[in-house]
Amino acid sequence: PGLQEAIDDLVKKYKLSRAFVRPSGTEDIVRVYAEADSQENADSLAHAVSLAVFQLAGGVGEAPQLGL
């Protein structure tokens, strides 16, 4: 599956959630936004989406870490 399908699959795992990714307009990075029914779930979803982006986009360097 592509990135959007991966994000959709991840969002389904969290209650009242949504997430999206967009490129930064000023830096060579992407920004991940996530909402869920709790802060813990939103953080977990954001991390999962970050990992999906890293893996599917051929990430360079270390994989994203939770809490950074």
C-alpha atoms as a PDB file:
ATOM      1  CA  PRO A   1       0.000   0.000   0.000  1.00  0.00           C
ATOM      2  CA  GLY A   2       0.960   3.619  -0.435  1.00  0.00           C
ATOM      3  CA  LEU A   3       1.462   6.193   2.278  1.00  0.00           C
ATOM      4  CA  GLN A   4      -2.158   7.373   2.424  1.00  0.00           C
ATOM      5  CA  GLU A   5      -3.391   3.804   2.761  1.00  0.00           C
ATOM      6  CA  ALA A   6      -0.870   3.187   5.547  1.00  0.00           C
ATOM      7  CA  ILE A   7      -2.031   6.326   7.375  1.00  0.00           C
ATOM      8  CA  ASP A   8      -5.682   5.315   6.946  1.00  0.00           C
ATOM      9  CA  ASP A   9      -4.940   1.867   8.402  1.00  0.00           C
ATOM     10  CA  LEU A  10      -3.152   3.411  11.396  1.00  0.00           C
ATOM     11  CA  VAL A  11      -5.949   5.906  12.074  1.00  0.00           C
ATOM     12  CA  LYS A  12      -8.475   3.044  12.243  1.00  0.00           C
ATOM     13  CA  LYS A  13      -6.620   1.661  15.272  1.00  0.00           C
ATOM     14  CA  TYR A  14      -7.310   4.738  17.429  1.00  0.00           C
ATOM     15  CA  LYS A  15     -10.621   6.002  18.742  1.00  0.00           C
ATOM     16  CA  LEU A  16     -11.841   9.375  17.403  1.00  0.00           C
ATOM     17  CA  SER A  17      -8.622   9.932  15.495  1.00  0.00           C
ATOM     18  CA  ARG A  18      -7.259  11.532  12.376  1.00  0.00           C
ATOM     19  CA  ALA A  19      -3.788  12.210  11.054  1.00  0.00           C
ATOM     20  CA  PHE A  20      -2.159  13.872   8.106  1.00  0.00           C
ATOM     21  CA  VAL A  21       1.282  14.683   6.771  1.00  0.00           C
ATOM     22  CA  ARG A  22       2.422  17.744   4.870  1.00  0.00           C
ATOM     23  CA  PRO A  23       5.765  18.988   3.598  1.00  0.00           C
ATOM     24  CA  SER A  24       7.335  21.925   5.382  1.00  0.00           C
ATOM     25  CA  GLY A  25       7.406  25.070   3.309  1.00  0.00           C
ATOM     26  CA  THR A  26      10.736  26.179   4.768  1.00  0.00           C
ATOM     27  CA  GLU A  27      12.686  23.035   5.691  1.00  0.00           C
ATOM     28  CA  ASP A  28      13.545  19.697   4.092  1.00  0.00           C
ATOM     29  CA  ILE A  29      11.158  17.843   6.418  1.00  0.00           C
ATOM     30  CA  VAL A  30       7.549  16.726   6.655  1.00  0.00           C
ATOM     31  CA  ARG A  31       5.192  17.623   9.479  1.00  0.00           C
ATOM     32  CA  VAL A  32       2.924  15.020  11.043  1.00  0.00           C
ATOM     33  CA  TYR A  33      -0.348  16.037  12.678  1.00  0.00           C
ATOM     34  CA  ALA A  34      -2.427  13.633  14.764  1.00  0.00           C
ATOM     35  CA  GLU A  35      -5.532  13.824  16.925  1.00  0.00           C
ATOM     36  CA  ALA A  36      -7.123  11.103  19.052  1.00  0.00           C
ATOM     37  CA  ASP A  37      -9.305  10.595  22.103  1.00  0.00           C
ATOM     38  CA  SER A  38      -6.347  11.063  24.492  1.00  0.00           C
ATOM     39  CA  GLN A  39      -2.936  12.703  24.444  1.00  0.00           C
ATOM     40  CA  GLU A  40      -1.274   9.306  24.799  1.00  0.00           C
ATOM     41  CA  ASN A  41      -3.119   7.950  21.765  1.00  0.00           C
ATOM     42  CA  ALA A  42      -2.424  11.092  19.734  1.00  0.00           C
ATOM     43  CA  ASP A  43       1.291  10.785  20.532  1.00  0.00           C
ATOM     44  CA  SER A  44       1.269   7.094  19.663  1.00  0.00           C
ATOM     45  CA  LEU A  45      -0.557   7.726  16.389  1.00  0.00           C
ATOM     46  CA  ALA A  46       1.829  10.543  15.452  1.00  0.00           C
ATOM     47  CA  HIS A  47       4.786   8.257  16.110  1.00  0.00           C
ATOM     48  CA  ALA A  48       3.281   5.420  14.074  1.00  0.00           C
ATOM     49  CA  VAL A  49       2.577   7.777  11.155  1.00  0.00           C
ATOM     50  CA  SER A  50       6.117   9.184  11.416  1.00  0.00           C
ATOM     51  CA  LEU A  51       7.537   5.678  11.162  1.00  0.00           C
ATOM     52  CA  ALA A  52       5.346   4.918   8.150  1.00  0.00           C
ATOM     53  CA  VAL A  53       6.563   8.077   6.400  1.00  0.00           C
ATOM     54  CA  PHE A  54      10.167   7.231   7.253  1.00  0.00           C
ATOM     55  CA  GLN A  55       9.873   3.673   5.943  1.00  0.00           C
ATOM     56  CA  LEU A  56       7.832   4.380   2.812  1.00  0.00           C
ATOM     57  CA  ALA A  57       9.813   7.470   1.810  1.00  0.00           C
ATOM     58  CA  GLY A  58      13.183   5.754   2.192  1.00  0.00           C
ATOM     59  CA  GLY A  59      14.176   7.620   5.357  1.00  0.00           C
ATOM     60  CA  VAL A  60      17.775   8.579   5.948  1.00  0.00           C
ATOM     61  CA  GLY A  61      19.452   8.363   9.342  1.00  0.00           C
ATOM     62  CA  GLU A  62      17.762   7.193  12.512  1.00  0.00           C
ATOM     63  CA  ALA A  63      14.068   6.367  12.563  1.00  0.00           C
ATOM     64  CA  PRO A  64      11.786   8.788  14.446  1.00  0.00           C
ATOM     65  CA  GLN A  65      11.701   8.289  18.207  1.00  0.00           C
ATOM     66  CA  LEU A  66       8.603   8.659  20.375  1.00  0.00           C
ATOM     67  CA  GLY A  67       8.655  11.885  22.355  1.00  0.00           C
ATOM     68  CA  LEU A  68      11.004  13.853  20.108  1.00  0.00           C
END
